Amino acid sequence: MGAVLGRLTRVGEDPAMDVLSDAIGAMRVGRPSLSPEVADPSWETEVPPFEGARFYVGTAGRIRVAAPDEAVTLQPGDAVLLPHGIAHTLGNATGSTARFLSGTYRLERARPHPLFQDLADLVSLPAHEDRYPGLQASIDLLRGELDERMHGRDVVLPALLEVLLVHLIRACLRERAGSRATGWCVALDDEVIARSLRAVHERPADPWTVESLGAHAGLSRAAFARRFTAMVGQPPLTYLTWWRLTTAARLLQTTDAPLAAVAQRSGYGSAYSFADAFKREYGISAGRYRQQHRTRPPA
């Protein structure tokens, strides 16, 4: 076998998917929730803002979801995601009883990943098995689990909800990419930018520079910086710093590693430089952050 350049990529592996997984993991808090709902013919309700994302799936009849700037009507199998948890109105849009699934994902809003900021307030995802087969399969599994009420349901449902979130966001990004020339929805499908993002996420402690990231992606320093900034919305080193500190925060939440070890694993040469950068970004010391957030279970 000849020389191998870069990391081993498995057949069928999408180089951007781990970046998406990291983005979700950086924001997920606690456990998702799901409830089957029944709406009488005249039913309507105002839903207040929520610190996370909401989704709805139509199962019978028609349900109208109205946000300030957009409204959609869900047929059976249709889904809608409100990734920013904005206030909206729900109502029965048919003359008979309607049924739907209502779910929530609690997300960390203090430092949202820029990928989520690139999503629209309301994303309609009609039931198209040929376009989003993974999403439709996840919805079918979820509905089947609710209908069958088999043993182990309390373990299976949260896992299915996590899978559904990934498929919802994948579909949202694809819908967004159709109308955008830049942004995260496009960046994750751009081979050059996705490769550099993957490198930053996999090895945040490496001594990356704009030049070395550009070389890793196969572009000159200037061409890479322009392309990265245009698509991601931040210069390469700004995003690198953001991700390093996000990585550090997760280590503080979920491990007992000493601050010096957290600094090293996050790409900082000394505990002092790490402490200064962390306090500048989060507004409190790393030690205090660990005290306040250590009891929170990892997402």
C-alpha atoms as a PDB file:
ATOM      1  CA  MET A   1       0.000   0.000   0.000  1.00  0.00           C
ATOM      2  CA  GLY A   2       1.348   3.444  -0.942  1.00  0.00           C
ATOM      3  CA  ALA A   3       1.953   6.459   1.237  1.00  0.00           C
ATOM      4  CA  VAL A   4      -1.017   7.683   3.226  1.00  0.00           C
ATOM      5  CA  LEU A   5      -1.653  11.385   3.637  1.00  0.00           C
ATOM      6  CA  GLY A   6      -3.724  12.751   6.506  1.00  0.00           C
ATOM      7  CA  ARG A   7      -6.077  10.683   8.650  1.00  0.00           C
ATOM      8  CA  LEU A   8      -7.800   7.485   7.606  1.00  0.00           C
ATOM      9  CA  THR A   9     -11.328   8.151   6.362  1.00  0.00           C
ATOM     10  CA  ARG A  10     -13.735   5.233   6.438  1.00  0.00           C
ATOM     11  CA  VAL A  11     -15.771   4.422   3.363  1.00  0.00           C
ATOM     12  CA  GLY A  12     -18.920   6.521   3.357  1.00  0.00           C
ATOM     13  CA  GLU A  13     -17.751   8.780   6.185  1.00  0.00           C
ATOM     14  CA  ASP A  14     -18.704  12.427   5.890  1.00  0.00           C
ATOM     15  CA  PRO A  15     -15.756  14.570   7.055  1.00  0.00           C
ATOM     16  CA  ALA A  16     -18.150  17.241   8.312  1.00  0.00           C
ATOM     17  CA  MET A  17     -20.347  15.036  10.463  1.00  0.00           C
ATOM     18  CA  ASP A  18     -18.024  14.942  13.493  1.00  0.00           C
ATOM     19  CA  VAL A  19     -17.991  18.739  13.403  1.00  0.00           C
ATOM     20  CA  LEU A  20     -21.782  18.678  13.523  1.00  0.00           C
ATOM     21  CA  SER A  21     -21.688  16.175  16.385  1.00  0.00           C
ATOM     22  CA  ASP A  22     -19.274  18.415  18.269  1.00  0.00           C
ATOM     23  CA  ALA A  23     -21.472  21.455  17.687  1.00  0.00           C
ATOM     24  CA  ILE A  24     -24.488  19.613  19.095  1.00  0.00           C
ATOM     25  CA  GLY A  25     -22.494  18.196  22.001  1.00  0.00           C
ATOM     26  CA  ALA A  26     -21.173  21.641  22.895  1.00  0.00           C
ATOM     27  CA  MET A  27     -24.716  22.949  23.376  1.00  0.00           C
ATOM     28  CA  ARG A  28     -26.782  19.998  24.616  1.00  0.00           C
ATOM     29  CA  VAL A  29     -27.852  20.201  28.257  1.00  0.00           C
ATOM     30  CA  GLY A  30     -29.798  17.538  30.123  1.00  0.00           C
ATOM     31  CA  ARG A  31     -32.230  15.138  28.509  1.00  0.00           C
ATOM     32  CA  PRO A  32     -34.642  15.762  25.628  1.00  0.00           C
ATOM     33  CA  SER A  33     -38.394  15.531  26.169  1.00  0.00           C
ATOM     34  CA  LEU A  34     -41.242  14.229  24.029  1.00  0.00           C
ATOM     35  CA  SER A  35     -45.000  14.072  24.414  1.00  0.00           C
ATOM     36  CA  PRO A  36     -47.834  12.930  22.116  1.00  0.00           C
ATOM     37  CA  GLU A  37     -50.507  15.628  21.908  1.00  0.00           C
ATOM     38  CA  VAL A  38     -54.205  15.588  20.946  1.00  0.00           C
ATOM     39  CA  ALA A  39     -55.785  18.801  19.616  1.00  0.00           C
ATOM     40  CA  ASP A  40     -59.545  19.342  19.550  1.00  0.00           C
ATOM     41  CA  PRO A  41     -60.986  21.016  16.409  1.00  0.00           C
ATOM     42  CA  SER A  42     -60.958  24.522  17.926  1.00  0.00           C
ATOM     43  CA  TRP A  43     -57.726  24.143  19.914  1.00  0.00           C
ATOM     44  CA  GLU A  44     -55.075  26.884  19.798  1.00  0.00           C
ATOM     45  CA  THR A  45     -52.329  27.928  22.204  1.00  0.00           C
ATOM     46  CA  GLU A  46     -49.487  30.411  22.567  1.00  0.00           C
ATOM     47  CA  VAL A  47     -46.098  28.787  23.214  1.00  0.00           C
ATOM     48  CA  PRO A  48     -43.610  31.000  25.109  1.00  0.00           C
ATOM     49  CA  PRO A  49     -39.882  31.237  24.316  1.00  0.00           C
ATOM     50  CA  PHE A  50     -37.783  28.251  25.365  1.00  0.00           C
ATOM     51  CA  GLU A  51     -34.091  27.915  26.280  1.00  0.00           C
ATOM     52  CA  GLY A  52     -33.408  25.406  23.552  1.00  0.00           C
ATOM     53  CA  ALA A  53     -34.959  23.963  20.420  1.00  0.00           C
ATOM     54  CA  ARG A  54     -38.518  22.747  19.842  1.00  0.00           C
ATOM     55  CA  PHE A  55     -39.811  20.381  17.194  1.00  0.00           C
ATOM     56  CA  TYR A  56     -43.214  19.109  16.134  1.00  0.00           C
ATOM     57  CA  VAL A  57     -44.216  16.137  13.991  1.00  0.00           C
ATOM     58  CA  GLY A  58     -47.710  15.750  12.558  1.00  0.00           C
ATOM     59  CA  THR A  59     -49.285  12.311  13.086  1.00  0.00           C
ATOM     60  CA  ALA A  60     -52.996  12.821  12.233  1.00  0.00           C
ATOM     61  CA  GLY A  61     -55.011  15.716  10.859  1.00  0.00           C
ATOM     62  CA  ARG A  62     -53.281  19.076  10.390  1.00  0.00           C
ATOM     63  CA  ILE A  63     -51.482  21.306  12.876  1.00  0.00           C
ATOM     64  CA  ARG A  64     -50.563  24.937  12.155  1.00  0.00           C
ATOM     65  CA  VAL A  65     -47.294  26.307  13.575  1.00  0.00           C
ATOM     66  CA  ALA A  66     -47.106  30.093  13.311  1.00  0.00           C
ATOM     67  CA  ALA A  67     -43.957  32.085  14.142  1.00  0.00           C
ATOM     68  CA  PRO A  68     -43.749  35.903  13.822  1.00  0.00           C
ATOM     69  CA  ASP A  69     -42.403  35.792  10.252  1.00  0.00           C
ATOM     70  CA  GLU A  70     -43.562  32.417   8.947  1.00  0.00           C
ATOM     71  CA  ALA A  71     -46.260  29.782   9.371  1.00  0.00           C
ATOM     72  CA  VAL A  72     -46.502  26.158   8.257  1.00  0.00           C
ATOM     73  CA  THR A  73     -49.205  23.494   8.382  1.00  0.00           C
ATOM     74  CA  LEU A  74     -48.100  19.995   9.346  1.00  0.00           C
ATOM     75  CA  GLN A  75     -49.575  16.992   7.576  1.00  0.00           C
ATOM     76  CA  PRO A  76     -48.940  13.483   8.981  1.00  0.00           C
ATOM     77  CA  GLY A  77     -45.199  12.801   8.770  1.00  0.00           C
ATOM     78  CA  ASP A  78     -44.227  16.462   8.334  1.00  0.00           C
ATOM     79  CA  ALA A  79     -41.784  17.975  10.822  1.00  0.00           C
ATOM     80  CA  VAL A  80     -40.871  21.490  11.844  1.00  0.00           C
ATOM     81  CA  LEU A  81     -37.872  22.597  13.907  1.00  0.00           C
ATOM     82  CA  LEU A  82     -37.582  25.858  15.833  1.00  0.00           C
ATOM     83  CA  PRO A  83     -33.855  25.754  16.684  1.00  0.00           C
ATOM     84  CA  HIS A  84     -33.848  29.033  18.635  1.00  0.00           C
ATOM     85  CA  GLY A  85     -36.927  28.287  20.732  1.00  0.00           C
ATOM     86  CA  ILE A  86     -38.788  31.444  19.696  1.00  0.00           C
ATOM     87  CA  ALA A  87     -42.369  32.147  20.799  1.00  0.00           C
ATOM     88  CA  HIS A  88     -45.018  30.817  18.419  1.00  0.00           C
ATOM     89  CA  THR A  89     -48.639  29.735  18.117  1.00  0.00           C
ATOM     90  CA  LEU A  90     -49.987  26.194  17.700  1.00  0.00           C
ATOM     91  CA  GLY A  91     -53.458  25.440  16.423  1.00  0.00           C
ATOM     92  CA  ASN A  92     -55.634  22.763  14.907  1.00  0.00           C
ATOM     93  CA  ALA A  93     -55.949  23.452  11.194  1.00  0.00           C
ATOM     94  CA  THR A  94     -58.598  20.850  10.429  1.00  0.00           C
ATOM     95  CA  GLY A  95     -62.247  20.343  11.332  1.00  0.00           C
ATOM     96  CA  SER A  96     -61.622  17.213  13.377  1.00  0.00           C
ATOM     97  CA  THR A  97     -59.261  16.017  16.090  1.00  0.00           C
ATOM     98  CA  ALA A  98     -55.584  16.301  15.195  1.00  0.00           C
ATOM     99  CA  ARG A  99     -52.574  14.575  16.738  1.00  0.00           C
ATOM    100  CA  PHE A 100     -48.908  15.482  16.812  1.00  0.00           C
ATOM    101  CA  LEU A 101     -45.640  14.922  18.655  1.00  0.00           C
ATOM    102  CA  SER A 102     -44.124  17.785  20.626  1.00  0.00           C
ATOM    103  CA  GLY A 103     -40.476  17.642  21.666  1.00  0.00           C
ATOM    104  CA  THR A 104     -37.781  19.843  23.183  1.00  0.00           C
ATOM    105  CA  TYR A 105     -33.996  19.872  23.388  1.00  0.00           C
ATOM    106  CA  ARG A 106     -32.485  22.074  26.086  1.00  0.00           C
ATOM    107  CA  LEU A 107     -29.461  23.953  24.724  1.00  0.00           C
ATOM    108  CA  GLU A 108     -26.772  26.136  26.248  1.00  0.00           C
ATOM    109  CA  ARG A 109     -27.567  29.670  25.085  1.00  0.00           C
ATOM    110  CA  ALA A 110     -24.748  31.549  26.838  1.00  0.00           C
ATOM    111  CA  ARG A 111     -22.260  30.644  24.080  1.00  0.00           C
ATOM    112  CA  PRO A 112     -24.205  29.107  21.180  1.00  0.00           C
ATOM    113  CA  HIS A 113     -22.184  27.377  18.512  1.00  0.00           C
ATOM    114  CA  PRO A 114     -22.112  29.566  15.379  1.00  0.00           C
ATOM    115  CA  LEU A 115     -23.560  26.685  13.372  1.00  0.00           C
ATOM    116  CA  PHE A 116     -26.839  27.006  15.280  1.00  0.00           C
ATOM    117  CA  GLN A 117     -26.873  30.765  14.797  1.00  0.00           C
ATOM    118  CA  ASP A 118     -26.897  30.154  11.044  1.00  0.00           C
ATOM    119  CA  LEU A 119     -30.207  28.270  11.201  1.00  0.00           C
ATOM    120  CA  ALA A 120     -33.519  29.979  10.458  1.00  0.00           C
ATOM    121  CA  ASP A 121     -36.034  30.574  13.269  1.00  0.00           C
ATOM    122  CA  LEU A 122     -38.462  28.063  11.784  1.00  0.00           C
ATOM    123  CA  VAL A 123     -37.557  25.273   9.371  1.00  0.00           C
ATOM    124  CA  SER A 124     -40.308  23.260   7.696  1.00  0.00           C
ATOM    125  CA  LEU A 125     -39.381  19.698   6.729  1.00  0.00           C
ATOM    126  CA  PRO A 126     -42.196  18.057   4.744  1.00  0.00           C
ATOM    127  CA  ALA A 127     -42.363  14.274   4.644  1.00  0.00           C
ATOM    128  CA  HIS A 128     -40.172  13.274   1.678  1.00  0.00           C
ATOM    129  CA  GLU A 129     -38.621   9.843   2.112  1.00  0.00           C
ATOM    130  CA  ASP A 130     -36.532  10.254  -1.024  1.00  0.00           C
ATOM    131  CA  ARG A 131     -35.034  13.548   0.175  1.00  0.00           C
ATOM    132  CA  TYR A 132     -34.474  12.905   3.881  1.00  0.00           C
ATOM    133  CA  PRO A 133     -34.726   9.126   4.372  1.00  0.00           C
ATOM    134  CA  GLY A 134     -32.830   9.232   7.686  1.00  0.00           C
ATOM    135  CA  LEU A 135     -35.186  11.829   9.114  1.00  0.00           C
ATOM    136  CA  GLN A 136     -38.291   9.915   8.046  1.00  0.00           C
ATOM    137  CA  ALA A 137     -36.861   6.653   9.394  1.00  0.00           C
ATOM    138  CA  SER A 138     -36.167   8.322  12.750  1.00  0.00           C
ATOM    139  CA  ILE A 139     -39.716   9.698  12.910  1.00  0.00           C
ATOM    140  CA  ASP A 140     -41.164   6.277  12.054  1.00  0.00           C
ATOM    141  CA  LEU A 141     -39.070   4.585  14.765  1.00  0.00           C
ATOM    142  CA  LEU A 142     -40.120   7.207  17.300  1.00  0.00           C
ATOM    143  CA  ARG A 143     -43.822   6.858  16.475  1.00  0.00           C
ATOM    144  CA  GLY A 144     -43.530   3.070  16.567  1.00  0.00           C
ATOM    145  CA  GLU A 145     -41.881   3.131  19.981  1.00  0.00           C
ATOM    146  CA  LEU A 146     -44.628   5.357  21.355  1.00  0.00           C
ATOM    147  CA  ASP A 147     -47.369   3.180  19.880  1.00  0.00           C
ATOM    148  CA  GLU A 148     -45.953  -0.202  20.893  1.00  0.00           C
ATOM    149  CA  ARG A 149     -45.048   0.693  24.532  1.00  0.00           C
ATOM    150  CA  MET A 150     -42.516  -2.135  24.745  1.00  0.00           C
ATOM    151  CA  HIS A 151     -40.126  -2.865  27.615  1.00  0.00           C
ATOM    152  CA  GLY A 152     -37.022  -0.662  27.665  1.00  0.00           C
ATOM    153  CA  ARG A 153     -38.938   2.332  26.339  1.00  0.00           C
ATOM    154  CA  ASP A 154     -37.300   4.744  28.802  1.00  0.00           C
ATOM    155  CA  VAL A 155     -33.885   3.874  27.377  1.00  0.00           C
ATOM    156  CA  VAL A 156     -34.861   3.761  23.718  1.00  0.00           C
ATOM    157  CA  LEU A 157     -36.825   7.029  23.529  1.00  0.00           C
ATOM    158  CA  PRO A 158     -34.013   9.399  24.642  1.00  0.00           C
ATOM    159  CA  ALA A 159     -31.613   7.667  22.243  1.00  0.00           C
ATOM    160  CA  LEU A 160     -34.068   8.015  19.366  1.00  0.00           C
ATOM    161  CA  LEU A 161     -34.581  11.681  20.225  1.00  0.00           C
ATOM    162  CA  GLU A 162     -30.836  12.309  20.043  1.00  0.00           C
ATOM    163  CA  VAL A 163     -30.721  10.605  16.636  1.00  0.00           C
ATOM    164  CA  LEU A 164     -33.718  12.636  15.506  1.00  0.00           C
ATOM    165  CA  LEU A 165     -31.989  15.906  16.482  1.00  0.00           C
ATOM    166  CA  VAL A 166     -29.020  15.103  14.251  1.00  0.00           C
ATOM    167  CA  HIS A 167     -31.291  14.281  11.323  1.00  0.00           C
ATOM    168  CA  LEU A 168     -33.365  17.423  11.889  1.00  0.00           C
ATOM    169  CA  ILE A 169     -30.293  19.651  11.833  1.00  0.00           C
ATOM    170  CA  ARG A 170     -28.820  17.849   8.819  1.00  0.00           C
ATOM    171  CA  ALA A 171     -32.061  18.468   6.949  1.00  0.00           C
ATOM    172  CA  CYS A 172     -32.164  22.107   8.100  1.00  0.00           C
ATOM    173  CA  LEU A 173     -28.637  22.700   6.865  1.00  0.00           C
ATOM    174  CA  ARG A 174     -29.447  21.189   3.477  1.00  0.00           C
ATOM    175  CA  GLU A 175     -32.572  23.311   3.149  1.00  0.00           C
ATOM    176  CA  ARG A 176     -30.558  26.390   4.097  1.00  0.00           C
ATOM    177  CA  ALA A 177     -27.743  25.543   1.682  1.00  0.00           C
ATOM    178  CA  GLY A 178     -30.140  25.684  -1.248  1.00  0.00           C
ATOM    179  CA  SER A 179     -30.629  29.417  -0.752  1.00  0.00           C
ATOM    180  CA  ARG A 180     -27.223  30.466   0.569  1.00  0.00           C
ATOM    181  CA  ALA A 181     -23.772  30.935  -0.972  1.00  0.00           C
ATOM    182  CA  THR A 182     -21.993  31.189   2.391  1.00  0.00           C
ATOM    183  CA  GLY A 183     -22.573  30.166   5.992  1.00  0.00           C
ATOM    184  CA  TRP A 184     -22.183  26.962   7.989  1.00  0.00           C
ATOM    185  CA  CYS A 185     -24.807  25.215   5.879  1.00  0.00           C
ATOM    186  CA  VAL A 186     -22.424  25.579   2.933  1.00  0.00           C
ATOM    187  CA  ALA A 187     -19.142  25.307   4.855  1.00  0.00           C
ATOM    188  CA  LEU A 188     -19.847  21.764   6.056  1.00  0.00           C
ATOM    189  CA  ASP A 189     -20.303  20.635   2.445  1.00  0.00           C
ATOM    190  CA  ASP A 190     -17.224  22.490   1.217  1.00  0.00           C
ATOM    191  CA  GLU A 191     -14.430  19.911   1.087  1.00  0.00           C
ATOM    192  CA  VAL A 192     -11.675  22.428   1.850  1.00  0.00           C
ATOM    193  CA  ILE A 193     -13.340  24.189   4.777  1.00  0.00           C
ATOM    194  CA  ALA A 194     -14.785  20.962   6.206  1.00  0.00           C
ATOM    195  CA  ARG A 195     -11.280  19.471   6.244  1.00  0.00           C
ATOM    196  CA  SER A 196      -9.871  22.404   8.203  1.00  0.00           C
ATOM    197  CA  LEU A 197     -12.792  22.392  10.657  1.00  0.00           C
ATOM    198  CA  ARG A 198     -12.323  18.681  11.205  1.00  0.00           C
ATOM    199  CA  ALA A 199      -8.637  19.239  11.969  1.00  0.00           C
ATOM    200  CA  VAL A 200      -9.410  21.965  14.518  1.00  0.00           C
ATOM    201  CA  HIS A 201     -12.054  19.827  16.224  1.00  0.00           C
ATOM    202  CA  GLU A 202      -9.933  16.688  16.301  1.00  0.00           C
ATOM    203  CA  ARG A 203      -6.683  18.341  17.371  1.00  0.00           C
ATOM    204  CA  PRO A 204      -7.386  21.684  19.082  1.00  0.00           C
ATOM    205  CA  ALA A 205      -4.090  21.461  20.988  1.00  0.00           C
ATOM    206  CA  ASP A 206      -1.965  21.457  17.818  1.00  0.00           C
ATOM    207  CA  PRO A 207      -0.032  24.708  17.178  1.00  0.00           C
ATOM    208  CA  TRP A 208      -2.274  25.730  14.299  1.00  0.00           C
ATOM    209  CA  THR A 209      -1.634  28.873  12.297  1.00  0.00           C
ATOM    210  CA  VAL A 210      -3.581  30.262   9.363  1.00  0.00           C
ATOM    211  CA  GLU A 211      -0.782  29.037   7.111  1.00  0.00           C
ATOM    212  CA  SER A 212      -0.725  25.493   8.529  1.00  0.00           C
ATOM    213  CA  LEU A 213      -4.513  25.211   8.421  1.00  0.00           C
ATOM    214  CA  GLY A 214      -4.467  26.437   4.838  1.00  0.00           C
ATOM    215  CA  ALA A 215      -1.797  23.900   3.932  1.00  0.00           C
ATOM    216  CA  HIS A 216      -3.824  21.155   5.613  1.00  0.00           C
ATOM    217  CA  ALA A 217      -6.829  22.197   3.531  1.00  0.00           C
ATOM    218  CA  GLY A 218      -4.776  22.516   0.330  1.00  0.00           C
ATOM    219  CA  LEU A 219      -4.883  26.296  -0.107  1.00  0.00           C
ATOM    220  CA  SER A 220      -2.478  29.183   0.253  1.00  0.00           C
ATOM    221  CA  ARG A 221      -2.655  31.224   3.463  1.00  0.00           C
ATOM    222  CA  ALA A 222      -4.478  34.182   1.888  1.00  0.00           C
ATOM    223  CA  ALA A 223      -6.916  32.094  -0.183  1.00  0.00           C
ATOM    224  CA  PHE A 224      -7.759  29.906   2.796  1.00  0.00           C
ATOM    225  CA  ALA A 225      -8.302  32.860   5.157  1.00  0.00           C
ATOM    226  CA  ARG A 226     -10.689  34.518   2.686  1.00  0.00           C
ATOM    227  CA  ARG A 227     -12.646  31.352   2.022  1.00  0.00           C
ATOM    228  CA  PHE A 228     -12.888  30.338   5.686  1.00  0.00           C
ATOM    229  CA  THR A 229     -13.987  33.782   6.860  1.00  0.00           C
ATOM    230  CA  ALA A 230     -16.586  34.123   4.103  1.00  0.00           C
ATOM    231  CA  MET A 231     -18.186  30.749   4.850  1.00  0.00           C
ATOM    232  CA  VAL A 232     -17.819  30.374   8.602  1.00  0.00           C
ATOM    233  CA  GLY A 233     -18.325  34.050   9.423  1.00  0.00           C
ATOM    234  CA  GLN A 234     -15.168  34.242  11.549  1.00  0.00           C
ATOM    235  CA  PRO A 235     -11.432  34.302  10.752  1.00  0.00           C
ATOM    236  CA  PRO A 236      -9.751  30.890  11.217  1.00  0.00           C
ATOM    237  CA  LEU A 237      -7.872  31.748  14.420  1.00  0.00           C
ATOM    238  CA  THR A 238     -10.939  33.380  15.977  1.00  0.00           C
ATOM    239  CA  TYR A 239     -12.870  30.154  15.538  1.00  0.00           C
ATOM    240  CA  LEU A 240      -9.865  28.116  16.717  1.00  0.00           C
ATOM    241  CA  THR A 241      -9.750  30.125  19.960  1.00  0.00           C
ATOM    242  CA  TRP A 242     -13.510  29.764  20.408  1.00  0.00           C
ATOM    243  CA  TRP A 243     -13.340  26.003  19.977  1.00  0.00           C
ATOM    244  CA  ARG A 244     -10.323  25.619  22.273  1.00  0.00           C
ATOM    245  CA  LEU A 245     -12.134  27.424  25.088  1.00  0.00           C
ATOM    246  CA  THR A 246     -15.316  25.455  24.405  1.00  0.00           C
ATOM    247  CA  THR A 247     -13.252  22.273  24.657  1.00  0.00           C
ATOM    248  CA  ALA A 248     -11.749  23.516  27.918  1.00  0.00           C
ATOM    249  CA  ALA A 249     -15.184  24.294  29.356  1.00  0.00           C
ATOM    250  CA  ARG A 250     -16.385  20.781  28.568  1.00  0.00           C
ATOM    251  CA  LEU A 251     -13.300  19.301  30.254  1.00  0.00           C
ATOM    252  CA  LEU A 252     -13.940  21.429  33.328  1.00  0.00           C
ATOM    253  CA  GLN A 253     -17.561  20.243  33.442  1.00  0.00           C
ATOM    254  CA  THR A 254     -16.953  16.549  32.870  1.00  0.00           C
ATOM    255  CA  THR A 255     -13.470  15.714  34.253  1.00  0.00           C
ATOM    256  CA  ASP A 256     -11.332  16.257  37.328  1.00  0.00           C
ATOM    257  CA  ALA A 257      -8.247  17.023  35.244  1.00  0.00           C
ATOM    258  CA  PRO A 258      -5.964  19.682  36.814  1.00  0.00           C
ATOM    259  CA  LEU A 259      -6.132  23.132  35.237  1.00  0.00           C
ATOM    260  CA  ALA A 260      -2.658  22.669  33.782  1.00  0.00           C
ATOM    261  CA  ALA A 261      -3.812  19.507  31.998  1.00  0.00           C
ATOM    262  CA  VAL A 262      -6.972  21.230  30.751  1.00  0.00           C
ATOM    263  CA  ALA A 263      -4.812  24.077  29.430  1.00  0.00           C
ATOM    264  CA  GLN A 264      -2.492  21.675  27.605  1.00  0.00           C
ATOM    265  CA  ARG A 265      -5.314  19.637  26.079  1.00  0.00           C
ATOM    266  CA  SER A 266      -6.993  22.833  24.914  1.00  0.00           C
ATOM    267  CA  GLY A 267      -3.942  24.195  23.109  1.00  0.00           C
ATOM    268  CA  TYR A 268      -2.523  26.601  25.689  1.00  0.00           C
ATOM    269  CA  GLY A 269       1.176  26.540  26.496  1.00  0.00           C
ATOM    270  CA  SER A 270       0.768  27.506  30.124  1.00  0.00           C
ATOM    271  CA  ALA A 271      -1.877  27.488  32.821  1.00  0.00           C
ATOM    272  CA  TYR A 272      -1.462  31.251  33.129  1.00  0.00           C
ATOM    273  CA  SER A 273      -2.230  31.996  29.467  1.00  0.00           C
ATOM    274  CA  PHE A 274      -5.177  29.607  29.612  1.00  0.00           C
ATOM    275  CA  ALA A 275      -6.562  31.179  32.806  1.00  0.00           C
ATOM    276  CA  ASP A 276      -6.319  34.646  31.288  1.00  0.00           C
ATOM    277  CA  ALA A 277      -8.034  33.600  28.023  1.00  0.00           C
ATOM    278  CA  PHE A 278     -10.754  31.648  29.826  1.00  0.00           C
ATOM    279  CA  LYS A 279     -11.664  34.485  32.189  1.00  0.00           C
ATOM    280  CA  ARG A 280     -11.706  36.951  29.299  1.00  0.00           C
ATOM    281  CA  GLU A 281     -14.144  34.746  27.376  1.00  0.00           C
ATOM    282  CA  TYR A 282     -16.391  33.467  30.186  1.00  0.00           C
ATOM    283  CA  GLY A 283     -16.149  36.325  32.668  1.00  0.00           C
ATOM    284  CA  ILE A 284     -15.129  34.058  35.581  1.00  0.00           C
ATOM    285  CA  SER A 285     -12.059  32.008  36.453  1.00  0.00           C
ATOM    286  CA  ALA A 286     -11.735  28.422  35.238  1.00  0.00           C
ATOM    287  CA  GLY A 287     -11.817  27.169  38.835  1.00  0.00           C
ATOM    288  CA  ARG A 288     -15.009  29.041  39.614  1.00  0.00           C
ATOM    289  CA  TYR A 289     -16.573  27.844  36.358  1.00  0.00           C
ATOM    290  CA  ARG A 290     -15.847  24.244  37.374  1.00  0.00           C
ATOM    291  CA  GLN A 291     -17.464  24.810  40.778  1.00  0.00           C
ATOM    292  CA  GLN A 292     -20.603  26.242  39.210  1.00  0.00           C
ATOM    293  CA  HIS A 293     -20.988  23.727  36.384  1.00  0.00           C
ATOM    294  CA  ARG A 294     -19.381  20.498  37.626  1.00  0.00           C
ATOM    295  CA  THR A 295     -22.657  19.044  38.913  1.00  0.00           C
ATOM    296  CA  ARG A 296     -24.293  19.432  35.486  1.00  0.00           C
ATOM    297  CA  PRO A 297     -24.264  16.048  33.719  1.00  0.00           C
ATOM    298  CA  PRO A 298     -22.316  15.992  30.431  1.00  0.00           C
ATOM    299  CA  ALA A 299     -24.495  16.269  27.327  1.00  0.00           C
END
